[in-house]
């Protein structure tokens, strides 16, 4: 066997390994896309997990605003009750 034969066999083996690794990478990528389809941004007409996350964050912000408004109203109500009780004393 000559050096040319060894180089040819080595390059052939490396080419076959490159093709196999490329195919394996494609197969893994396809499996990942199939497994994560439901949470991708364009799945379900755009109603993905990221969209849900944004809506929940917006709802939490609204609830914090409502909570602060209710707390303020409760404080004002307590003050009003104290004022009314002060009128009867």
PDB file of N, CA and C in Angstrom:
ATOM      1  N   UNK A   1       0.851  -1.168   0.000  1.00  0.00           N
ATOM      2  CA  UNK A   1       0.000   0.000   0.000  1.00  0.00           C
ATOM      3  C   UNK A   1       0.899   1.233   0.000  1.00  0.00           C
ATOM      4  N   UNK A   2       0.586   2.159  -0.869  1.00  0.00           N
ATOM      5  CA  UNK A   2       1.402   3.362  -0.987  1.00  0.00           C
ATOM      6  C   UNK A   2       0.803   4.479  -0.146  1.00  0.00           C
ATOM      7  N   UNK A   3       1.559   5.545  -0.053  1.00  0.00           N
ATOM      8  CA  UNK A   3       1.105   6.722   0.693  1.00  0.00           C
ATOM      9  C   UNK A   3      -0.158   7.282   0.057  1.00  0.00           C
ATOM     10  N   UNK A   4      -0.234   7.261  -1.240  1.00  0.00           N
ATOM     11  CA  UNK A   4      -1.413   7.760  -1.952  1.00  0.00           C
ATOM     12  C   UNK A   4      -2.642   6.937  -1.592  1.00  0.00           C
ATOM     13  N   UNK A   5      -2.476   5.623  -1.474  1.00  0.00           N
ATOM     14  CA  UNK A   5      -3.600   4.769  -1.088  1.00  0.00           C
ATOM     15  C   UNK A   5      -4.071   5.092   0.331  1.00  0.00           C
ATOM     16  N   UNK A   6      -3.131   5.277   1.261  1.00  0.00           N
ATOM     17  CA  UNK A   6      -3.469   5.588   2.648  1.00  0.00           C
ATOM     18  C   UNK A   6      -4.199   6.933   2.729  1.00  0.00           C
ATOM     19  N   UNK A   7      -3.689   7.932   1.993  1.00  0.00           N
ATOM     20  CA  UNK A   7      -4.332   9.255   1.982  1.00  0.00           C
ATOM     21  C   UNK A   7      -5.717   9.150   1.373  1.00  0.00           C
ATOM     22  N   UNK A   8      -5.865   8.398   0.320  1.00  0.00           N
ATOM     23  CA  UNK A   8      -7.171   8.225  -0.317  1.00  0.00           C
ATOM     24  C   UNK A   8      -8.166   7.546   0.594  1.00  0.00           C
ATOM     25  N   UNK A   9      -7.733   6.491   1.272  1.00  0.00           N
ATOM     26  CA  UNK A   9      -8.620   5.785   2.202  1.00  0.00           C
ATOM     27  C   UNK A   9      -8.994   6.699   3.367  1.00  0.00           C
ATOM     28  N   UNK A  10      -8.006   7.417   3.896  1.00  0.00           N
ATOM     29  CA  UNK A  10      -8.267   8.333   5.012  1.00  0.00           C
ATOM     30  C   UNK A  10      -9.262   9.411   4.611  1.00  0.00           C
ATOM     31  N   UNK A  11      -9.059  10.011   3.451  1.00  0.00           N
ATOM     32  CA  UNK A  11      -9.999  11.046   2.987  1.00  0.00           C
ATOM     33  C   UNK A  11     -11.377  10.463   2.715  1.00  0.00           C
ATOM     34  N   UNK A  12     -11.433   9.263   2.206  1.00  0.00           N
ATOM     35  CA  UNK A  12     -12.723   8.607   1.982  1.00  0.00           C
ATOM     36  C   UNK A  12     -13.465   8.376   3.280  1.00  0.00           C
ATOM     37  N   UNK A  13     -12.727   7.869   4.288  1.00  0.00           N
ATOM     38  CA  UNK A  13     -13.343   7.628   5.597  1.00  0.00           C
ATOM     39  C   UNK A  13     -13.802   8.944   6.224  1.00  0.00           C
ATOM     40  N   UNK A  14     -12.977   9.986   6.148  1.00  0.00           N
ATOM     41  CA  UNK A  14     -13.360  11.299   6.702  1.00  0.00           C
ATOM     42  C   UNK A  14     -14.570  11.871   5.977  1.00  0.00           C
ATOM     43  N   UNK A  15     -14.655  11.674   4.659  1.00  0.00           N
ATOM     44  CA  UNK A  15     -15.818  12.156   3.898  1.00  0.00           C
ATOM     45  C   UNK A  15     -17.080  11.440   4.329  1.00  0.00           C
ATOM     46  N   UNK A  16     -16.980  10.110   4.476  1.00  0.00           N
ATOM     47  CA  UNK A  16     -18.146   9.337   4.913  1.00  0.00           C
ATOM     48  C   UNK A  16     -18.558   9.759   6.323  1.00  0.00           C
ATOM     49  N   UNK A  17     -17.586   9.972   7.209  1.00  0.00           N
ATOM     50  CA  UNK A  17     -17.910  10.414   8.569  1.00  0.00           C
ATOM     51  C   UNK A  17     -18.552  11.798   8.553  1.00  0.00           C
ATOM     52  N   UNK A  18     -18.073  12.687   7.687  1.00  0.00           N
ATOM     53  CA  UNK A  18     -18.677  14.013   7.572  1.00  0.00           C
ATOM     54  C   UNK A  18     -20.110  13.943   7.107  1.00  0.00           C
ATOM     55  N   UNK A  19     -20.378  13.084   6.135  1.00  0.00           N
ATOM     56  CA  UNK A  19     -21.750  12.915   5.646  1.00  0.00           C
ATOM     57  C   UNK A  19     -22.635  12.344   6.740  1.00  0.00           C
ATOM     58  N   UNK A  20     -22.130  11.344   7.465  1.00  0.00           N
ATOM     59  CA  UNK A  20     -22.914  10.744   8.547  1.00  0.00           C
ATOM     60  C   UNK A  20     -23.182  11.730   9.673  1.00  0.00           C
ATOM     61  N   UNK A  21     -22.174  12.521  10.038  1.00  0.00           N
ATOM     62  CA  UNK A  21     -22.372  13.521  11.096  1.00  0.00           C
ATOM     63  C   UNK A  21     -23.336  14.615  10.648  1.00  0.00           C
ATOM     64  N   UNK A  22     -23.271  15.009   9.382  1.00  0.00           N
ATOM     65  CA  UNK A  22     -24.224  15.992   8.863  1.00  0.00           C
ATOM     66  C   UNK A  22     -25.642  15.454   8.899  1.00  0.00           C
ATOM     67  N   UNK A  23     -25.805  14.180   8.519  1.00  0.00           N
ATOM     68  CA  UNK A  23     -27.128  13.554   8.558  1.00  0.00           C
ATOM     69  C   UNK A  23     -27.625  13.434   9.995  1.00  0.00           C
ATOM     70  N   UNK A  24     -26.722  13.075  10.909  1.00  0.00           N
ATOM     71  CA  UNK A  24     -27.102  12.981  12.317  1.00  0.00           C
ATOM     72  C   UNK A  24     -27.525  14.343  12.860  1.00  0.00           C
ATOM     73  N   UNK A  25     -26.803  15.398  12.504  1.00  0.00           N
ATOM     74  CA  UNK A  25     -27.175  16.745  12.932  1.00  0.00           C
ATOM     75  C   UNK A  25     -28.533  17.156  12.388  1.00  0.00           C
ATOM     76  N   UNK A  26     -28.807  16.834  11.127  1.00  0.00           N
ATOM     77  CA  UNK A  26     -30.106  17.145  10.530  1.00  0.00           C
ATOM     78  C   UNK A  26     -31.207  16.389  11.261  1.00  0.00           C
ATOM     79  N   UNK A  27     -30.966  15.107  11.562  1.00  0.00           N
ATOM     80  CA  UNK A  27     -31.965  14.281  12.234  1.00  0.00           C
ATOM     81  C   UNK A  27     -32.265  14.828  13.631  1.00  0.00           C
ATOM     82  N   UNK A  28     -31.224  15.194  14.374  1.00  0.00           N
ATOM     83  CA  UNK A  28     -31.413  15.748  15.722  1.00  0.00           C
ATOM     84  C   UNK A  28     -32.170  17.071  15.650  1.00  0.00           C
ATOM     85  N   UNK A  29     -31.812  17.927  14.703  1.00  0.00           N
ATOM     86  CA  UNK A  29     -32.484  19.219  14.541  1.00  0.00           C
ATOM     87  C   UNK A  29     -33.966  19.019  14.220  1.00  0.00           C
ATOM     88  N   UNK A  30     -34.270  18.050  13.362  1.00  0.00           N
ATOM     89  CA  UNK A  30     -35.663  17.760  13.017  1.00  0.00           C
ATOM     90  C   UNK A  30     -36.434  17.268  14.238  1.00  0.00           C
ATOM     91  N   UNK A  31     -35.818  16.392  15.021  1.00  0.00           N
ATOM     92  CA  UNK A  31     -36.480  15.886  16.232  1.00  0.00           C
ATOM     93  C   UNK A  31     -36.760  17.017  17.222  1.00  0.00           C
ATOM     94  N   UNK A  32     -35.823  17.936  17.374  1.00  0.00           N
ATOM     95  CA  UNK A  32     -36.011  19.069  18.279  1.00  0.00           C
ATOM     96  C   UNK A  32     -37.151  19.962  17.788  1.00  0.00           C
ATOM     97  N   UNK A  33     -37.203  20.219  16.486  1.00  0.00           N
ATOM     98  CA  UNK A  33     -38.287  21.054  15.948  1.00  0.00           C
ATOM     99  C   UNK A  33     -39.642  20.412  16.158  1.00  0.00           C
ATOM    100  N   UNK A  34     -39.726  19.103  15.951  1.00  0.00           N
ATOM    101  CA  UNK A  34     -40.995  18.409  16.147  1.00  0.00           C
ATOM    102  C   UNK A  34     -41.395  18.420  17.625  1.00  0.00           C
ATOM    103  N   UNK A  35     -40.426  18.192  18.497  1.00  0.00           N
ATOM    104  CA  UNK A  35     -40.725  18.125  19.934  1.00  0.00           C
ATOM    105  C   UNK A  35     -41.115  19.480  20.516  1.00  0.00           C
ATOM    106  N   UNK A  36     -40.602  20.562  19.951  1.00  0.00           N
ATOM    107  CA  UNK A  36     -40.871  21.898  20.502  1.00  0.00           C
ATOM    108  C   UNK A  36     -41.840  22.703  19.649  1.00  0.00           C
ATOM    109  N   UNK A  37     -42.547  22.056  18.741  1.00  0.00           N
ATOM    110  CA  UNK A  37     -43.443  22.791  17.841  1.00  0.00           C
ATOM    111  C   UNK A  37     -44.492  23.596  18.596  1.00  0.00           C
ATOM    112  N   UNK A  38     -45.059  23.022  19.649  1.00  0.00           N
ATOM    113  CA  UNK A  38     -46.143  23.695  20.372  1.00  0.00           C
ATOM    114  C   UNK A  38     -45.713  24.974  21.071  1.00  0.00           C
ATOM    115  N   UNK A  39     -44.421  25.145  21.328  1.00  0.00           N
ATOM    116  CA  UNK A  39     -43.976  26.353  22.032  1.00  0.00           C
ATOM    117  C   UNK A  39     -43.219  27.307  21.118  1.00  0.00           C
ATOM    118  N   UNK A  40     -43.237  27.042  19.820  1.00  0.00           N
ATOM    119  CA  UNK A  40     -42.574  27.944  18.891  1.00  0.00           C
ATOM    120  C   UNK A  40     -43.473  29.143  18.614  1.00  0.00           C
ATOM    121  N   UNK A  41     -42.884  30.316  18.293  1.00  0.00           N
ATOM    122  CA  UNK A  41     -43.668  31.542  18.145  1.00  0.00           C
ATOM    123  C   UNK A  41     -44.779  31.475  17.098  1.00  0.00           C
ATOM    124  N   UNK A  42     -44.613  30.700  16.035  1.00  0.00           N
ATOM    125  CA  UNK A  42     -45.617  30.661  14.981  1.00  0.00           C
ATOM    126  C   UNK A  42     -46.586  29.499  15.120  1.00  0.00           C
ATOM    127  N   UNK A  43     -46.472  28.730  16.164  1.00  0.00           N
ATOM    128  CA  UNK A  43     -47.378  27.595  16.378  1.00  0.00           C
ATOM    129  C   UNK A  43     -48.742  28.093  16.848  1.00  0.00           C
ATOM    130  N   UNK A  44     -49.768  27.349  16.536  1.00  0.00           N
ATOM    131  CA  UNK A  44     -51.135  27.643  16.996  1.00  0.00           C
ATOM    132  C   UNK A  44     -51.595  29.045  16.625  1.00  0.00           C
ATOM    133  N   UNK A  45     -51.276  29.487  15.442  1.00  0.00           N
ATOM    134  CA  UNK A  45     -51.732  30.805  14.998  1.00  0.00           C
ATOM    135  C   UNK A  45     -51.116  31.937  15.780  1.00  0.00           C
ATOM    136  N   UNK A  46     -49.922  31.760  16.282  1.00  0.00           N
ATOM    137  CA  UNK A  46     -49.245  32.813  17.021  1.00  0.00           C
ATOM    138  C   UNK A  46     -49.519  32.795  18.507  1.00  0.00           C
ATOM    139  N   UNK A  47     -50.319  31.830  18.969  1.00  0.00           N
ATOM    140  CA  UNK A  47     -50.632  31.746  20.392  1.00  0.00           C
ATOM    141  C   UNK A  47     -49.652  30.777  21.044  1.00  0.00           C
ATOM    142  N   UNK A  48     -48.457  31.241  21.255  1.00  0.00           N
ATOM    143  CA  UNK A  48     -47.403  30.380  21.783  1.00  0.00           C
ATOM    144  C   UNK A  48     -47.201  30.626  23.267  1.00  0.00           C
ATOM    145  N   UNK A  49     -46.264  29.915  23.827  1.00  0.00           N
ATOM    146  CA  UNK A  49     -45.943  30.070  25.236  1.00  0.00           C
ATOM    147  C   UNK A  49     -45.410  31.470  25.537  1.00  0.00           C
ATOM    148  N   UNK A  50     -44.658  32.031  24.601  1.00  0.00           N
ATOM    149  CA  UNK A  50     -44.145  33.390  24.796  1.00  0.00           C
ATOM    150  C   UNK A  50     -45.293  34.400  24.853  1.00  0.00           C
ATOM    151  N   UNK A  51     -46.315  34.204  24.016  1.00  0.00           N
ATOM    152  CA  UNK A  51     -47.475  35.092  24.044  1.00  0.00           C
ATOM    153  C   UNK A  51     -48.212  34.983  25.381  1.00  0.00           C
ATOM    154  N   UNK A  52     -48.352  33.767  25.862  1.00  0.00           N
ATOM    155  CA  UNK A  52     -48.999  33.559  27.156  1.00  0.00           C
ATOM    156  C   UNK A  52     -48.219  34.256  28.264  1.00  0.00           C
ATOM    157  N   UNK A  53     -46.897  34.150  28.197  1.00  0.00           N
ATOM    158  CA  UNK A  53     -46.034  34.783  29.198  1.00  0.00           C
ATOM    159  C   UNK A  53     -46.248  36.302  29.199  1.00  0.00           C
ATOM    160  N   UNK A  54     -46.316  36.909  28.020  1.00  0.00           N
ATOM    161  CA  UNK A  54     -46.536  38.360  27.928  1.00  0.00           C
ATOM    162  C   UNK A  54     -47.892  38.739  28.504  1.00  0.00           C
ATOM    163  N   UNK A  55     -48.919  37.940  28.213  1.00  0.00           N
ATOM    164  CA  UNK A  55     -50.257  38.250  28.705  1.00  0.00           C
ATOM    165  C   UNK A  55     -50.333  38.111  30.225  1.00  0.00           C
ATOM    166  N   UNK A  56     -49.672  37.093  30.763  1.00  0.00           N
ATOM    167  CA  UNK A  56     -49.672  36.910  32.218  1.00  0.00           C
ATOM    168  C   UNK A  56     -48.925  38.056  32.893  1.00  0.00           C
ATOM    169  N   UNK A  57     -47.807  38.489  32.308  1.00  0.00           N
ATOM    170  CA  UNK A  57     -47.086  39.633  32.861  1.00  0.00           C
ATOM    171  C   UNK A  57     -47.945  40.893  32.851  1.00  0.00           C
ATOM    172  N   UNK A  58     -48.670  41.112  31.755  1.00  0.00           N
ATOM    173  CA  UNK A  58     -49.553  42.285  31.670  1.00  0.00           C
ATOM    174  C   UNK A  58     -50.665  42.188  32.711  1.00  0.00           C
ATOM    175  N   UNK A  59     -51.197  40.980  32.907  1.00  0.00           N
ATOM    176  CA  UNK A  59     -52.259  40.804  33.887  1.00  0.00           C
ATOM    177  C   UNK A  59     -51.726  41.029  35.305  1.00  0.00           C
ATOM    178  N   UNK A  60     -50.503  40.581  35.576  1.00  0.00           N
ATOM    179  CA  UNK A  60     -49.908  40.804  36.897  1.00  0.00           C
ATOM    180  C   UNK A  60     -49.714  42.300  37.160  1.00  0.00           C
ATOM    181  N   UNK A  61     -49.290  43.024  36.141  1.00  0.00           N
ATOM    182  CA  UNK A  61     -49.133  44.474  36.290  1.00  0.00           C
ATOM    183  C   UNK A  61     -50.480  45.130  36.582  1.00  0.00           C
ATOM    184  N   UNK A  62     -51.515  44.719  35.850  1.00  0.00           N
ATOM    185  CA  UNK A  62     -52.855  45.263  36.091  1.00  0.00           C
ATOM    186  C   UNK A  62     -53.331  44.932  37.504  1.00  0.00           C
ATOM    187  N   UNK A  63     -53.066  43.710  37.952  1.00  0.00           N
ATOM    188  CA  UNK A  63     -53.496  43.316  39.293  1.00  0.00           C
ATOM    189  C   UNK A  63     -52.762  44.119  40.366  1.00  0.00           C
ATOM    190  N   UNK A  64     -51.477  44.432  40.122  1.00  0.00           N
ATOM    191  CA  UNK A  64     -50.748  45.267  41.083  1.00  0.00           C
ATOM    192  C   UNK A  64     -51.369  46.666  41.149  1.00  0.00           C
ATOM    193  N   UNK A  65     -51.770  47.199  39.993  1.00  0.00           N
ATOM    194  CA  UNK A  65     -52.411  48.519  39.966  1.00  0.00           C
ATOM    195  C   UNK A  65     -53.749  48.486  40.699  1.00  0.00           C
ATOM    196  N   UNK A  66     -54.527  47.435  40.482  1.00  0.00           N
ATOM    197  CA  UNK A  66     -55.813  47.293  41.161  1.00  0.00           C
ATOM    198  C   UNK A  66     -55.600  47.156  42.664  1.00  0.00           C
ATOM    199  N   UNK A  67     -54.602  46.372  43.049  1.00  0.00           N
ATOM    200  CA  UNK A  67     -54.319  46.182  44.478  1.00  0.00           C
ATOM    201  C   UNK A  67     -53.939  47.500  45.140  1.00  0.00           C
ATOM    202  N   UNK A  68     -53.103  48.294  44.473  1.00  0.00           N
ATOM    203  CA  UNK A  68     -52.718  49.581  45.059  1.00  0.00           C
ATOM    204  C   UNK A  68     -53.919  50.521  45.140  1.00  0.00           C
ATOM    205  N   UNK A  69     -54.807  50.475  44.132  1.00  0.00           N
ATOM    206  CA  UNK A  69     -56.000  51.323  44.170  1.00  0.00           C
ATOM    207  C   UNK A  69     -56.930  50.893  45.306  1.00  0.00           C
ATOM    208  N   UNK A  70     -57.105  49.600  45.492  1.00  0.00           N
ATOM    209  CA  UNK A  70     -57.972  49.097  46.564  1.00  0.00           C
ATOM    210  C   UNK A  70     -57.378  49.452  47.926  1.00  0.00           C
ATOM    211  N   UNK A  71     -56.068  49.313  48.052  1.00  0.00           N
ATOM    212  CA  UNK A  71     -55.415  49.676  49.316  1.00  0.00           C
ATOM    213  C   UNK A  71     -55.602  51.158  49.618  1.00  0.00           C
ATOM    214  N   UNK A  72     -55.475  51.989  48.596  1.00  0.00           N
ATOM    215  CA  UNK A  72     -55.671  53.426  48.791  1.00  0.00           C
ATOM    216  C   UNK A  72     -57.117  53.719  49.190  1.00  0.00           C
ATOM    217  N   UNK A  73     -58.073  53.055  48.533  1.00  0.00           N
ATOM    218  CA  UNK A  73     -59.481  53.261  48.889  1.00  0.00           C
ATOM    219  C   UNK A  73     -59.766  52.793  50.313  1.00  0.00           C
ATOM    220  N   UNK A  74     -59.167  51.670  50.723  1.00  0.00           N
ATOM    221  CA  UNK A  74     -59.358  51.199  52.093  1.00  0.00           C
ATOM    222  C   UNK A  74     -58.801  52.199  53.095  1.00  0.00           C
ATOM    223  N   UNK A  75     -57.649  52.783  52.801  1.00  0.00           N
ATOM    224  CA  UNK A  75     -57.067  53.790  53.687  1.00  0.00           C
ATOM    225  C   UNK A  75     -57.970  55.016  53.773  1.00  0.00           C
ATOM    226  N   UNK A  76     -58.502  55.444  52.627  1.00  0.00           N
ATOM    227  CA  UNK A  76     -59.408  56.598  52.620  1.00  0.00           C
ATOM    228  C   UNK A  76     -60.693  56.284  53.379  1.00  0.00           C
ATOM    229  N   UNK A  77     -61.174  55.025  53.246  1.00  0.00           N
ATOM    230  CA  UNK A  77     -62.385  54.623  53.957  1.00  0.00           C
ATOM    231  C   UNK A  77     -62.141  54.624  55.462  1.00  0.00           C
ATOM    232  N   UNK A  78     -60.978  54.139  55.893  1.00  0.00           N
ATOM    233  CA  UNK A  78     -60.644  54.159  57.318  1.00  0.00           C
ATOM    234  C   UNK A  78     -60.587  55.595  57.838  1.00  0.00           C
ATOM    235  N   UNK A  79     -60.003  56.490  57.060  1.00  0.00           N
ATOM    236  CA  UNK A  79     -59.925  57.889  57.459  1.00  0.00           C
ATOM    237  C   UNK A  79     -61.319  58.509  57.539  1.00  0.00           C
ATOM    238  N   UNK A  80     -62.174  58.163  56.565  1.00  0.00           N
ATOM    239  CA  UNK A  80     -63.542  58.675  56.564  1.00  0.00           C
ATOM    240  C   UNK A  80     -64.313  58.164  57.779  1.00  0.00           C
ATOM    241  N   UNK A  81     -64.143  56.901  58.114  1.00  0.00           N
ATOM    242  CA  UNK A  81     -64.805  56.357  59.301  1.00  0.00           C
ATOM    243  C   UNK A  81     -64.330  57.065  60.561  1.00  0.00           C
ATOM    244  N   UNK A  82     -63.036  57.330  60.624  1.00  0.00           N
ATOM    245  CA  UNK A  82     -62.509  58.042  61.790  1.00  0.00           C
ATOM    246  C   UNK A  82     -63.068  59.460  61.862  1.00  0.00           C
ATOM    247  N   UNK A  83     -63.214  60.122  60.721  1.00  0.00           N
ATOM    248  CA  UNK A  83     -63.790  61.464  60.694  1.00  0.00           C
ATOM    249  C   UNK A  83     -65.251  61.451  61.146  1.00  0.00           C
ATOM    250  N   UNK A  84     -66.007  60.451  60.660  1.00  0.00           N
ATOM    251  CA  UNK A  84     -67.420  60.363  61.042  1.00  0.00           C
ATOM    252  C   UNK A  84     -67.549  60.060  62.527  1.00  0.00           C
ATOM    253  N   UNK A  85     -66.718  59.186  63.061  1.00  0.00           N
ATOM    254  CA  UNK A  85     -66.749  58.894  64.491  1.00  0.00           C
ATOM    255  C   UNK A  85     -66.366  60.129  65.296  1.00  0.00           C
ATOM    256  N   UNK A  86     -65.470  60.937  64.729  1.00  0.00           N
ATOM    257  CA  UNK A  86     -65.077  62.165  65.423  1.00  0.00           C
ATOM    258  C   UNK A  86     -66.226  63.170  65.478  1.00  0.00           C
ATOM    259  N   UNK A  87     -67.132  63.119  64.539  1.00  0.00           N
ATOM    260  CA  UNK A  87     -68.278  64.040  64.563  1.00  0.00           C
ATOM    261  C   UNK A  87     -69.258  63.697  65.675  1.00  0.00           C
ATOM    262  N   UNK A  88     -69.371  62.413  66.018  1.00  0.00           N
ATOM    263  CA  UNK A  88     -70.324  61.978  67.040  1.00  0.00           C
ATOM    264  C   UNK A  88     -69.773  62.113  68.463  1.00  0.00           C
ATOM    265  N   UNK A  89     -68.495  62.375  68.595  1.00  0.00           N
ATOM    266  CA  UNK A  89     -67.921  62.452  69.949  1.00  0.00           C
ATOM    267  C   UNK A  89     -68.070  63.797  70.545  1.00  0.00           C
TER     268      UNK A  89
END
